[in-house]
Amino acid sequence: MKTVGPLVAALATIAAAGYAGFRLWPREIDIRPIPLTPTWESIGGRAVVRLPGRFLVAEIASYDDEFFAYLMFTHLRARPVFRNTEVLLTYRRLPNRIVYPIQVHLENDLLSAAFLLAGARKSGLIRESSSRYVPAETLHRLQYQTSVFLTAYNLPSRVRLEHLTKADLSEYVRRFVRFKALTDARTRSKTEPVQPLTSAEAQQLAADIVAVSDFYLLPLDFFLGIGAMENNYLDVQGDLKNAIWKRHAEKGDIVLKRKRGRVLVLNQSSGVWQITRETLRYAHRLYLRDSREYSRLPARLRPPRAGFG
């Protein structure tokens, strides 16, 4: 009976050593990824191909400029094709810059997702897309990034446009006019020979708007509103059938009708601002009587002394 204590202790020591050896002895580990296999289901009489436990996300656009990306994000989330889809504005750090992808959280169904994205491409809203399945933590991170952008851009403005430098104003206007031109329905559908503004053209137009606004002491919003409402800053003809009665025809007029000493002439709109020929003539008469120092304007913005034909 006296040997029971030492025997139990020895057995316990052997057991502990064996357990430690089992846990610590080097062994091969199977690190092959677990395959994720989509499943086919019939839900409400509709075929659904889904991946349980994962979330389907597609990247539909990516931009280098944060403010422009936010403008495009607000535009896309308001389109009917994405109205019932969660649109996400996110960011990704690259070695030398940050990019701002716009992504959509789609229904967990490959068939309906493919149909939705194909419709968005056909309508010209997006050019291409790349889809992937992500775990819940990744989706939550993308949703959090979106909420940060929404919060930041919906805070009350602390700086008025009038207090920004001309350089800063031009940069904001450049983004806005290019955004309006790119999202115009005629640009997306390509039903008309419309060429949206390039970055360089948008930069020049923005600088011109800021310069003219400052020269005439007019609110910048005045020009932004007119340009957006008239033609989204696209240089195309408008009001092709617009005409006006005058006492007599002038050089360059296309006379449509003559009646009782008056003439009906074509008065189409043209250019980014959709200004008619008669409006230009009236504005030029005002300019000839104006006493302001027009040398303060860049040469390209000074009206000619000769009238418009």
C-alpha atoms as a PDB file:
ATOM      1  CA  MET A   1       0.000   0.000   0.000  1.00  0.00           C
ATOM      2  CA  LYS A   2       2.944   2.313   0.516  1.00  0.00           C
ATOM      3  CA  THR A   3       3.853   2.197  -3.231  1.00  0.00           C
ATOM      4  CA  VAL A   4       0.484   3.529  -4.409  1.00  0.00           C
ATOM      5  CA  GLY A   5       1.426   7.223  -3.969  1.00  0.00           C
ATOM      6  CA  PRO A   6       4.666   7.104  -6.033  1.00  0.00           C
ATOM      7  CA  LEU A   7       2.956   4.963  -8.710  1.00  0.00           C
ATOM      8  CA  VAL A   8       0.117   7.416  -9.141  1.00  0.00           C
ATOM      9  CA  ALA A   9       2.614  10.281  -9.390  1.00  0.00           C
ATOM     10  CA  ALA A  10       4.625   8.419 -12.021  1.00  0.00           C
ATOM     11  CA  LEU A  11       1.513   7.651 -14.078  1.00  0.00           C
ATOM     12  CA  ALA A  12       0.447  11.276 -13.886  1.00  0.00           C
ATOM     13  CA  THR A  13       3.880  12.427 -15.059  1.00  0.00           C
ATOM     14  CA  ILE A  14       3.802  10.000 -18.008  1.00  0.00           C
ATOM     15  CA  ALA A  15       0.284  11.123 -18.949  1.00  0.00           C
ATOM     16  CA  ALA A  16       1.259  14.802 -18.845  1.00  0.00           C
ATOM     17  CA  ALA A  17       4.340  14.136 -20.968  1.00  0.00           C
ATOM     18  CA  GLY A  18       2.268  12.190 -23.474  1.00  0.00           C
ATOM     19  CA  TYR A  19      -0.324  14.937 -23.732  1.00  0.00           C
ATOM     20  CA  ALA A  20       2.383  17.553 -24.191  1.00  0.00           C
ATOM     21  CA  GLY A  21       4.031  15.457 -26.882  1.00  0.00           C
ATOM     22  CA  PHE A  22       0.704  15.041 -28.656  1.00  0.00           C
ATOM     23  CA  ARG A  23       0.070  18.760 -28.622  1.00  0.00           C
ATOM     24  CA  LEU A  24       3.577  19.968 -29.441  1.00  0.00           C
ATOM     25  CA  TRP A  25       5.026  17.332 -31.730  1.00  0.00           C
ATOM     26  CA  PRO A  26       5.389  18.712 -35.303  1.00  0.00           C
ATOM     27  CA  ARG A  27       2.640  17.447 -37.608  1.00  0.00           C
ATOM     28  CA  GLU A  28       1.485  18.217 -41.126  1.00  0.00           C
ATOM     29  CA  ILE A  29      -1.453  20.676 -41.256  1.00  0.00           C
ATOM     30  CA  ASP A  30      -4.008  20.758 -44.042  1.00  0.00           C
ATOM     31  CA  ILE A  31      -4.121  24.419 -45.139  1.00  0.00           C
ATOM     32  CA  ARG A  32      -6.131  23.924 -48.305  1.00  0.00           C
ATOM     33  CA  PRO A  33      -8.943  26.531 -48.540  1.00  0.00           C
ATOM     34  CA  ILE A  34     -12.425  25.321 -47.908  1.00  0.00           C
ATOM     35  CA  PRO A  35     -14.258  25.475 -51.249  1.00  0.00           C
ATOM     36  CA  LEU A  36     -17.216  27.863 -51.406  1.00  0.00           C
ATOM     37  CA  THR A  37     -19.823  26.265 -53.623  1.00  0.00           C
ATOM     38  CA  PRO A  38     -22.892  28.227 -54.719  1.00  0.00           C
ATOM     39  CA  THR A  39     -26.215  26.492 -54.245  1.00  0.00           C
ATOM     40  CA  TRP A  40     -29.286  26.469 -56.426  1.00  0.00           C
ATOM     41  CA  GLU A  41     -32.634  27.107 -54.804  1.00  0.00           C
ATOM     42  CA  SER A  42     -36.169  27.832 -55.863  1.00  0.00           C
ATOM     43  CA  ILE A  43     -37.571  30.775 -53.909  1.00  0.00           C
ATOM     44  CA  GLY A  44     -41.109  31.877 -54.677  1.00  0.00           C
ATOM     45  CA  GLY A  45     -40.998  30.030 -57.956  1.00  0.00           C
ATOM     46  CA  ARG A  46     -37.787  31.844 -58.953  1.00  0.00           C
ATOM     47  CA  ALA A  47     -34.440  30.159 -59.512  1.00  0.00           C
ATOM     48  CA  VAL A  48     -31.774  31.581 -57.191  1.00  0.00           C
ATOM     49  CA  VAL A  49     -28.042  30.820 -57.253  1.00  0.00           C
ATOM     50  CA  ARG A  50     -26.562  31.951 -53.964  1.00  0.00           C
ATOM     51  CA  LEU A  51     -23.645  31.374 -51.602  1.00  0.00           C
ATOM     52  CA  PRO A  52     -24.861  30.903 -48.021  1.00  0.00           C
ATOM     53  CA  GLY A  53     -22.962  32.858 -45.377  1.00  0.00           C
ATOM     54  CA  ARG A  54     -21.425  35.332 -47.822  1.00  0.00           C
ATOM     55  CA  PHE A  55     -22.438  38.711 -49.302  1.00  0.00           C
ATOM     56  CA  LEU A  56     -22.256  39.642 -52.977  1.00  0.00           C
ATOM     57  CA  VAL A  57     -20.509  42.959 -53.721  1.00  0.00           C
ATOM     58  CA  ALA A  58     -19.651  44.480 -57.104  1.00  0.00           C
ATOM     59  CA  GLU A  59     -17.289  47.363 -57.834  1.00  0.00           C
ATOM     60  CA  ILE A  60     -18.881  49.535 -60.537  1.00  0.00           C
ATOM     61  CA  ALA A  61     -16.562  52.569 -60.671  1.00  0.00           C
ATOM     62  CA  SER A  62     -13.367  53.971 -59.163  1.00  0.00           C
ATOM     63  CA  TYR A  63     -12.017  57.520 -58.998  1.00  0.00           C
ATOM     64  CA  ASP A  64      -8.841  59.281 -57.863  1.00  0.00           C
ATOM     65  CA  ASP A  65     -10.698  62.358 -56.616  1.00  0.00           C
ATOM     66  CA  GLU A  66     -12.735  62.093 -53.410  1.00  0.00           C
ATOM     67  CA  PHE A  67     -15.173  64.946 -54.093  1.00  0.00           C
ATOM     68  CA  PHE A  68     -15.865  63.796 -57.654  1.00  0.00           C
ATOM     69  CA  ALA A  69     -16.359  60.239 -56.371  1.00  0.00           C
ATOM     70  CA  TYR A  70     -18.930  61.525 -53.877  1.00  0.00           C
ATOM     71  CA  LEU A  71     -20.818  63.365 -56.627  1.00  0.00           C
ATOM     72  CA  MET A  72     -20.932  60.205 -58.746  1.00  0.00           C
ATOM     73  CA  PHE A  73     -21.985  58.180 -55.696  1.00  0.00           C
ATOM     74  CA  THR A  74     -24.974  60.465 -55.062  1.00  0.00           C
ATOM     75  CA  HIS A  75     -25.901  60.265 -58.744  1.00  0.00           C
ATOM     76  CA  LEU A  76     -25.729  56.476 -58.993  1.00  0.00           C
ATOM     77  CA  ARG A  77     -27.630  55.756 -55.792  1.00  0.00           C
ATOM     78  CA  ALA A  78     -30.532  57.879 -57.093  1.00  0.00           C
ATOM     79  CA  ARG A  79     -30.853  56.019 -60.420  1.00  0.00           C
ATOM     80  CA  PRO A  80     -33.841  53.646 -60.693  1.00  0.00           C
ATOM     81  CA  VAL A  81     -31.626  50.650 -61.480  1.00  0.00           C
ATOM     82  CA  PHE A  82     -29.860  51.002 -58.086  1.00  0.00           C
ATOM     83  CA  ARG A  83     -32.768  52.410 -56.081  1.00  0.00           C
ATOM     84  CA  ASN A  84     -33.359  49.148 -54.215  1.00  0.00           C
ATOM     85  CA  THR A  85     -29.660  48.299 -53.997  1.00  0.00           C
ATOM     86  CA  GLU A  86     -27.208  49.464 -51.343  1.00  0.00           C
ATOM     87  CA  VAL A  87     -24.633  51.704 -53.046  1.00  0.00           C
ATOM     88  CA  LEU A  88     -21.349  52.095 -51.144  1.00  0.00           C
ATOM     89  CA  LEU A  89     -18.682  54.796 -51.399  1.00  0.00           C
ATOM     90  CA  THR A  90     -15.413  53.311 -50.133  1.00  0.00           C
ATOM     91  CA  TYR A  91     -11.686  53.943 -50.260  1.00  0.00           C
ATOM     92  CA  ARG A  92      -8.618  51.823 -50.849  1.00  0.00           C
ATOM     93  CA  ARG A  93      -5.003  52.698 -50.065  1.00  0.00           C
ATOM     94  CA  LEU A  94      -2.507  52.032 -52.846  1.00  0.00           C
ATOM     95  CA  PRO A  95       1.284  52.415 -52.524  1.00  0.00           C
ATOM     96  CA  ASN A  96       1.318  56.066 -53.652  1.00  0.00           C
ATOM     97  CA  ARG A  97      -2.291  57.228 -53.573  1.00  0.00           C
ATOM     98  CA  ILE A  98      -5.837  56.609 -52.382  1.00  0.00           C
ATOM     99  CA  VAL A  99      -8.609  55.564 -54.750  1.00  0.00           C
ATOM    100  CA  TYR A 100     -12.336  55.779 -54.114  1.00  0.00           C
ATOM    101  CA  PRO A 101     -14.276  52.806 -55.491  1.00  0.00           C
ATOM    102  CA  ILE A 102     -18.067  52.864 -55.717  1.00  0.00           C
ATOM    103  CA  GLN A 103     -19.482  49.447 -54.913  1.00  0.00           C
ATOM    104  CA  VAL A 104     -22.947  47.930 -54.685  1.00  0.00           C
ATOM    105  CA  HIS A 105     -24.188  45.348 -52.204  1.00  0.00           C
ATOM    106  CA  LEU A 106     -26.268  43.050 -54.391  1.00  0.00           C
ATOM    107  CA  GLU A 107     -28.851  40.439 -53.623  1.00  0.00           C
ATOM    108  CA  ASN A 108     -27.217  37.101 -52.830  1.00  0.00           C
ATOM    109  CA  ASP A 109     -28.230  35.712 -56.204  1.00  0.00           C
ATOM    110  CA  LEU A 110     -25.807  35.504 -59.106  1.00  0.00           C
ATOM    111  CA  LEU A 111     -28.594  35.464 -61.693  1.00  0.00           C
ATOM    112  CA  SER A 112     -30.450  38.601 -60.593  1.00  0.00           C
ATOM    113  CA  ALA A 113     -27.156  40.399 -59.860  1.00  0.00           C
ATOM    114  CA  ALA A 114     -25.882  39.711 -63.383  1.00  0.00           C
ATOM    115  CA  PHE A 115     -29.178  40.957 -64.830  1.00  0.00           C
ATOM    116  CA  LEU A 116     -29.038  44.198 -62.788  1.00  0.00           C
ATOM    117  CA  LEU A 117     -25.424  44.965 -63.711  1.00  0.00           C
ATOM    118  CA  ALA A 118     -26.090  44.229 -67.384  1.00  0.00           C
ATOM    119  CA  GLY A 119     -28.970  46.718 -67.298  1.00  0.00           C
ATOM    120  CA  ALA A 120     -26.738  49.365 -65.715  1.00  0.00           C
ATOM    121  CA  ARG A 121     -24.122  48.857 -68.445  1.00  0.00           C
ATOM    122  CA  LYS A 122     -26.729  48.996 -71.211  1.00  0.00           C
ATOM    123  CA  SER A 123     -28.120  52.288 -69.916  1.00  0.00           C
ATOM    124  CA  GLY A 124     -24.622  53.801 -69.831  1.00  0.00           C
ATOM    125  CA  LEU A 125     -24.535  54.229 -66.043  1.00  0.00           C
ATOM    126  CA  ILE A 126     -21.451  52.047 -65.666  1.00  0.00           C
ATOM    127  CA  ARG A 127     -18.791  50.807 -68.053  1.00  0.00           C
ATOM    128  CA  GLU A 128     -17.753  47.610 -66.326  1.00  0.00           C
ATOM    129  CA  SER A 129     -18.032  45.817 -63.012  1.00  0.00           C
ATOM    130  CA  SER A 130     -16.292  43.129 -60.972  1.00  0.00           C
ATOM    131  CA  SER A 131     -18.210  41.017 -58.469  1.00  0.00           C
ATOM    132  CA  ARG A 132     -16.994  39.051 -55.481  1.00  0.00           C
ATOM    133  CA  TYR A 133     -18.312  37.372 -52.349  1.00  0.00           C
ATOM    134  CA  VAL A 134     -17.186  38.831 -49.032  1.00  0.00           C
ATOM    135  CA  PRO A 135     -17.670  37.832 -45.382  1.00  0.00           C
ATOM    136  CA  ALA A 136     -19.840  39.864 -43.033  1.00  0.00           C
ATOM    137  CA  GLU A 137     -16.888  41.756 -41.501  1.00  0.00           C
ATOM    138  CA  THR A 138     -15.794  43.047 -44.937  1.00  0.00           C
ATOM    139  CA  LEU A 139     -19.290  44.234 -45.804  1.00  0.00           C
ATOM    140  CA  HIS A 140     -19.549  46.003 -42.443  1.00  0.00           C
ATOM    141  CA  ARG A 141     -16.230  47.764 -43.103  1.00  0.00           C
ATOM    142  CA  LEU A 142     -17.470  49.012 -46.499  1.00  0.00           C
ATOM    143  CA  GLN A 143     -20.725  50.199 -44.934  1.00  0.00           C
ATOM    144  CA  TYR A 144     -18.795  52.028 -42.216  1.00  0.00           C
ATOM    145  CA  GLN A 145     -16.629  53.805 -44.802  1.00  0.00           C
ATOM    146  CA  THR A 146     -19.790  54.909 -46.615  1.00  0.00           C
ATOM    147  CA  SER A 147     -21.336  56.243 -43.421  1.00  0.00           C
ATOM    148  CA  VAL A 148     -18.189  58.301 -42.753  1.00  0.00           C
ATOM    149  CA  PHE A 149     -18.417  59.942 -46.194  1.00  0.00           C
ATOM    150  CA  LEU A 150     -22.134  60.629 -45.799  1.00  0.00           C
ATOM    151  CA  THR A 151     -21.609  62.195 -42.390  1.00  0.00           C
ATOM    152  CA  ALA A 152     -18.697  64.342 -43.570  1.00  0.00           C
ATOM    153  CA  TYR A 153     -20.462  65.664 -46.676  1.00  0.00           C
ATOM    154  CA  ASN A 154     -23.719  66.405 -44.880  1.00  0.00           C
ATOM    155  CA  LEU A 155     -22.250  68.494 -42.084  1.00  0.00           C
ATOM    156  CA  PRO A 156     -23.083  72.229 -42.181  1.00  0.00           C
ATOM    157  CA  SER A 157     -20.630  74.149 -44.358  1.00  0.00           C
ATOM    158  CA  ARG A 158     -18.209  76.292 -42.381  1.00  0.00           C
ATOM    159  CA  VAL A 159     -16.690  78.130 -45.338  1.00  0.00           C
ATOM    160  CA  ARG A 160     -18.726  80.117 -47.854  1.00  0.00           C
ATOM    161  CA  LEU A 161     -17.855  80.040 -51.554  1.00  0.00           C
ATOM    162  CA  GLU A 162     -17.069  83.750 -51.395  1.00  0.00           C
ATOM    163  CA  HIS A 163     -14.291  83.080 -48.881  1.00  0.00           C
ATOM    164  CA  LEU A 164     -12.428  80.507 -50.979  1.00  0.00           C
ATOM    165  CA  THR A 165      -9.458  81.451 -53.124  1.00  0.00           C
ATOM    166  CA  LYS A 166      -9.912  81.598 -56.899  1.00  0.00           C
ATOM    167  CA  ALA A 167      -7.747  78.510 -57.281  1.00  0.00           C
ATOM    168  CA  ASP A 168      -9.892  76.530 -54.836  1.00  0.00           C
ATOM    169  CA  LEU A 169     -13.096  77.786 -56.453  1.00  0.00           C
ATOM    170  CA  SER A 170     -11.870  76.729 -59.879  1.00  0.00           C
ATOM    171  CA  GLU A 171     -11.108  73.235 -58.627  1.00  0.00           C
ATOM    172  CA  TYR A 172     -14.588  72.781 -57.161  1.00  0.00           C
ATOM    173  CA  VAL A 173     -16.270  74.231 -60.264  1.00  0.00           C
ATOM    174  CA  ARG A 174     -14.155  71.992 -62.519  1.00  0.00           C
ATOM    175  CA  ARG A 175     -15.385  68.889 -60.740  1.00  0.00           C
ATOM    176  CA  PHE A 176     -18.996  70.075 -60.817  1.00  0.00           C
ATOM    177  CA  VAL A 177     -19.155  70.941 -64.521  1.00  0.00           C
ATOM    178  CA  ARG A 178     -17.437  67.707 -65.518  1.00  0.00           C
ATOM    179  CA  PHE A 179     -19.815  65.728 -63.297  1.00  0.00           C
ATOM    180  CA  LYS A 180     -22.858  67.375 -64.913  1.00  0.00           C
ATOM    181  CA  ALA A 181     -21.543  66.746 -68.425  1.00  0.00           C
ATOM    182  CA  LEU A 182     -20.684  63.093 -67.765  1.00  0.00           C
ATOM    183  CA  THR A 183     -24.026  62.274 -66.155  1.00  0.00           C
ATOM    184  CA  ASP A 184     -26.154  63.947 -68.831  1.00  0.00           C
ATOM    185  CA  ALA A 185     -28.552  61.439 -70.411  1.00  0.00           C
ATOM    186  CA  ARG A 186     -27.292  62.294 -73.918  1.00  0.00           C
ATOM    187  CA  THR A 187     -23.732  61.479 -72.891  1.00  0.00           C
ATOM    188  CA  ARG A 188     -24.729  58.127 -71.384  1.00  0.00           C
ATOM    189  CA  SER A 189     -27.060  57.004 -74.156  1.00  0.00           C
ATOM    190  CA  LYS A 190     -24.837  58.300 -76.985  1.00  0.00           C
ATOM    191  CA  THR A 191     -27.997  59.057 -78.974  1.00  0.00           C
ATOM    192  CA  GLU A 192     -26.526  62.386 -80.101  1.00  0.00           C
ATOM    193  CA  PRO A 193     -23.002  63.335 -81.210  1.00  0.00           C
ATOM    194  CA  VAL A 194     -22.204  64.723 -77.770  1.00  0.00           C
ATOM    195  CA  GLN A 195     -18.665  65.016 -76.476  1.00  0.00           C
ATOM    196  CA  PRO A 196     -18.502  65.533 -72.688  1.00  0.00           C
ATOM    197  CA  LEU A 197     -15.925  67.931 -71.340  1.00  0.00           C
ATOM    198  CA  THR A 198     -12.414  66.620 -70.914  1.00  0.00           C
ATOM    199  CA  SER A 199     -10.584  67.433 -67.687  1.00  0.00           C
ATOM    200  CA  ALA A 200      -8.605  70.181 -69.453  1.00  0.00           C
ATOM    201  CA  GLU A 201     -11.760  71.709 -70.974  1.00  0.00           C
ATOM    202  CA  ALA A 202     -13.540  71.574 -67.617  1.00  0.00           C
ATOM    203  CA  GLN A 203     -10.545  73.281 -65.983  1.00  0.00           C
ATOM    204  CA  GLN A 204     -10.580  76.098 -68.549  1.00  0.00           C
ATOM    205  CA  LEU A 205     -14.342  76.577 -68.297  1.00  0.00           C
ATOM    206  CA  ALA A 206     -14.160  76.638 -64.497  1.00  0.00           C
ATOM    207  CA  ALA A 207     -11.453  79.308 -64.548  1.00  0.00           C
ATOM    208  CA  ASP A 208     -13.522  81.376 -67.005  1.00  0.00           C
ATOM    209  CA  ILE A 209     -16.653  81.116 -64.834  1.00  0.00           C
ATOM    210  CA  VAL A 210     -14.770  82.226 -61.733  1.00  0.00           C
ATOM    211  CA  ALA A 211     -13.135  85.127 -63.617  1.00  0.00           C
ATOM    212  CA  VAL A 212     -16.417  86.413 -65.099  1.00  0.00           C
ATOM    213  CA  SER A 213     -18.268  85.991 -61.804  1.00  0.00           C
ATOM    214  CA  ASP A 214     -15.627  88.063 -60.035  1.00  0.00           C
ATOM    215  CA  PHE A 215     -15.509  90.732 -62.765  1.00  0.00           C
ATOM    216  CA  TYR A 216     -19.266  91.369 -62.820  1.00  0.00           C
ATOM    217  CA  LEU A 217     -19.647  90.893 -59.034  1.00  0.00           C
ATOM    218  CA  LEU A 218     -22.261  88.191 -59.583  1.00  0.00           C
ATOM    219  CA  PRO A 219     -22.786  85.132 -57.349  1.00  0.00           C
ATOM    220  CA  LEU A 220     -20.983  82.060 -58.605  1.00  0.00           C
ATOM    221  CA  ASP A 221     -24.175  80.060 -57.985  1.00  0.00           C
ATOM    222  CA  PHE A 222     -25.806  82.130 -60.748  1.00  0.00           C
ATOM    223  CA  PHE A 223     -23.498  80.675 -63.396  1.00  0.00           C
ATOM    224  CA  LEU A 224     -23.511  77.157 -61.963  1.00  0.00           C
ATOM    225  CA  GLY A 225     -27.299  77.080 -61.985  1.00  0.00           C
ATOM    226  CA  ILE A 226     -27.698  78.409 -65.525  1.00  0.00           C
ATOM    227  CA  GLY A 227     -25.051  76.102 -66.967  1.00  0.00           C
ATOM    228  CA  ALA A 228     -26.555  73.059 -65.289  1.00  0.00           C
ATOM    229  CA  MET A 229     -30.158  73.861 -66.209  1.00  0.00           C
ATOM    230  CA  GLU A 230     -29.525  74.928 -69.792  1.00  0.00           C
ATOM    231  CA  ASN A 231     -27.309  72.214 -71.206  1.00  0.00           C
ATOM    232  CA  ASN A 232     -25.210  70.548 -68.487  1.00  0.00           C
ATOM    233  CA  TYR A 233     -22.177  72.370 -69.916  1.00  0.00           C
ATOM    234  CA  LEU A 234     -22.377  70.469 -73.219  1.00  0.00           C
ATOM    235  CA  ASP A 235     -21.581  72.381 -76.411  1.00  0.00           C
ATOM    236  CA  VAL A 236     -24.527  71.280 -78.571  1.00  0.00           C
ATOM    237  CA  GLN A 237     -27.221  73.127 -80.475  1.00  0.00           C
ATOM    238  CA  GLY A 238     -30.589  73.588 -78.830  1.00  0.00           C
ATOM    239  CA  ASP A 239     -33.977  75.139 -79.580  1.00  0.00           C
ATOM    240  CA  LEU A 240     -33.461  74.278 -83.236  1.00  0.00           C
ATOM    241  CA  LYS A 241     -36.902  75.606 -84.207  1.00  0.00           C
ATOM    242  CA  ASN A 242     -36.788  78.770 -82.117  1.00  0.00           C
ATOM    243  CA  ALA A 243     -37.567  81.883 -84.165  1.00  0.00           C
ATOM    244  CA  ILE A 244     -38.197  85.570 -83.541  1.00  0.00           C
ATOM    245  CA  TRP A 245     -39.981  88.388 -85.406  1.00  0.00           C
ATOM    246  CA  LYS A 246     -37.861  91.462 -86.208  1.00  0.00           C
ATOM    247  CA  ARG A 247     -38.284  94.704 -88.109  1.00  0.00           C
ATOM    248  CA  HIS A 248     -35.541  93.795 -90.543  1.00  0.00           C
ATOM    249  CA  ALA A 249     -33.038  91.014 -91.131  1.00  0.00           C
ATOM    250  CA  GLU A 250     -29.398  91.464 -90.186  1.00  0.00           C
ATOM    251  CA  LYS A 251     -26.222  89.947 -91.548  1.00  0.00           C
ATOM    252  CA  GLY A 252     -26.187  86.181 -91.079  1.00  0.00           C
ATOM    253  CA  ASP A 253     -29.926  85.842 -90.353  1.00  0.00           C
ATOM    254  CA  ILE A 254     -31.909  82.978 -91.854  1.00  0.00           C
ATOM    255  CA  VAL A 255     -35.288  84.465 -92.838  1.00  0.00           C
ATOM    256  CA  LEU A 256     -38.191  82.064 -92.454  1.00  0.00           C
ATOM    257  CA  LYS A 257     -41.101  84.373 -93.270  1.00  0.00           C
ATOM    258  CA  ARG A 258     -41.867  87.974 -94.231  1.00  0.00           C
ATOM    259  CA  LYS A 259     -45.061  89.745 -93.228  1.00  0.00           C
ATOM    260  CA  ARG A 260     -46.141  93.415 -93.121  1.00  0.00           C
ATOM    261  CA  GLY A 261     -42.677  94.892 -92.976  1.00  0.00           C
ATOM    262  CA  ARG A 262     -41.393  92.359 -90.437  1.00  0.00           C
ATOM    263  CA  VAL A 263     -39.324  89.202 -90.793  1.00  0.00           C
ATOM    264  CA  LEU A 264     -39.289  85.928 -88.890  1.00  0.00           C
ATOM    265  CA  VAL A 265     -35.696  84.744 -88.438  1.00  0.00           C
ATOM    266  CA  LEU A 266     -34.215  81.568 -87.006  1.00  0.00           C
ATOM    267  CA  ASN A 267     -32.932  82.129 -83.485  1.00  0.00           C
ATOM    268  CA  GLN A 268     -31.290  78.889 -82.394  1.00  0.00           C
ATOM    269  CA  SER A 269     -29.390  78.391 -79.168  1.00  0.00           C
ATOM    270  CA  SER A 270     -25.775  77.267 -79.192  1.00  0.00           C
ATOM    271  CA  GLY A 271     -22.771  76.667 -77.000  1.00  0.00           C
ATOM    272  CA  VAL A 272     -22.381  75.640 -73.396  1.00  0.00           C
ATOM    273  CA  TRP A 273     -24.699  78.429 -72.208  1.00  0.00           C
ATOM    274  CA  GLN A 274     -27.354  77.926 -74.923  1.00  0.00           C
ATOM    275  CA  ILE A 275     -27.385  81.602 -75.868  1.00  0.00           C
ATOM    276  CA  THR A 276     -29.403  82.655 -78.914  1.00  0.00           C
ATOM    277  CA  ARG A 277     -28.065  84.900 -81.664  1.00  0.00           C
ATOM    278  CA  GLU A 278     -30.448  87.711 -80.669  1.00  0.00           C
ATOM    279  CA  THR A 279     -29.385  87.464 -77.017  1.00  0.00           C
ATOM    280  CA  LEU A 280     -25.750  87.789 -78.052  1.00  0.00           C
ATOM    281  CA  ARG A 281     -26.559  90.879 -80.125  1.00  0.00           C
ATOM    282  CA  TYR A 282     -28.394  92.489 -77.217  1.00  0.00           C
ATOM    283  CA  ALA A 283     -25.581  91.646 -74.781  1.00  0.00           C
ATOM    284  CA  HIS A 284     -23.066  93.161 -77.209  1.00  0.00           C
ATOM    285  CA  ARG A 285     -24.982  96.432 -77.373  1.00  0.00           C
ATOM    286  CA  LEU A 286     -24.894  96.567 -73.567  1.00  0.00           C
ATOM    287  CA  TYR A 287     -21.158  95.877 -73.638  1.00  0.00           C
ATOM    288  CA  LEU A 288     -20.496  98.792 -76.026  1.00  0.00           C
ATOM    289  CA  ARG A 289     -22.182 101.139 -73.526  1.00  0.00           C
ATOM    290  CA  ASP A 290     -20.447  99.605 -70.479  1.00  0.00           C
ATOM    291  CA  SER A 291     -17.802 101.705 -68.745  1.00  0.00           C
ATOM    292  CA  ARG A 292     -16.078  98.917 -66.807  1.00  0.00           C
ATOM    293  CA  GLU A 293     -12.391  98.218 -67.406  1.00  0.00           C
ATOM    294  CA  TYR A 294     -12.503  95.049 -69.500  1.00  0.00           C
ATOM    295  CA  SER A 295      -8.735  94.758 -69.576  1.00  0.00           C
ATOM    296  CA  ARG A 296      -9.093  93.115 -66.166  1.00  0.00           C
ATOM    297  CA  LEU A 297     -10.538  90.081 -67.931  1.00  0.00           C
ATOM    298  CA  PRO A 298      -8.307  87.548 -69.691  1.00  0.00           C
ATOM    299  CA  ALA A 299      -8.011  88.360 -73.401  1.00  0.00           C
ATOM    300  CA  ARG A 300     -10.003  85.285 -74.427  1.00  0.00           C
ATOM    301  CA  LEU A 301     -13.013  86.555 -72.429  1.00  0.00           C
ATOM    302  CA  ARG A 302     -13.118  90.113 -73.763  1.00  0.00           C
ATOM    303  CA  PRO A 303     -15.938  90.707 -76.259  1.00  0.00           C
ATOM    304  CA  PRO A 304     -14.891  92.017 -79.668  1.00  0.00           C
ATOM    305  CA  ARG A 305     -15.718  95.612 -80.570  1.00  0.00           C
ATOM    306  CA  ALA A 306     -17.372  94.478 -83.814  1.00  0.00           C
ATOM    307  CA  GLY A 307     -20.925  93.192 -83.558  1.00  0.00           C
ATOM    308  CA  PHE A 308     -22.090  89.617 -83.927  1.00  0.00           C
ATOM    309  CA  GLY A 309     -23.241  88.608 -87.402  1.00  0.00           C
END
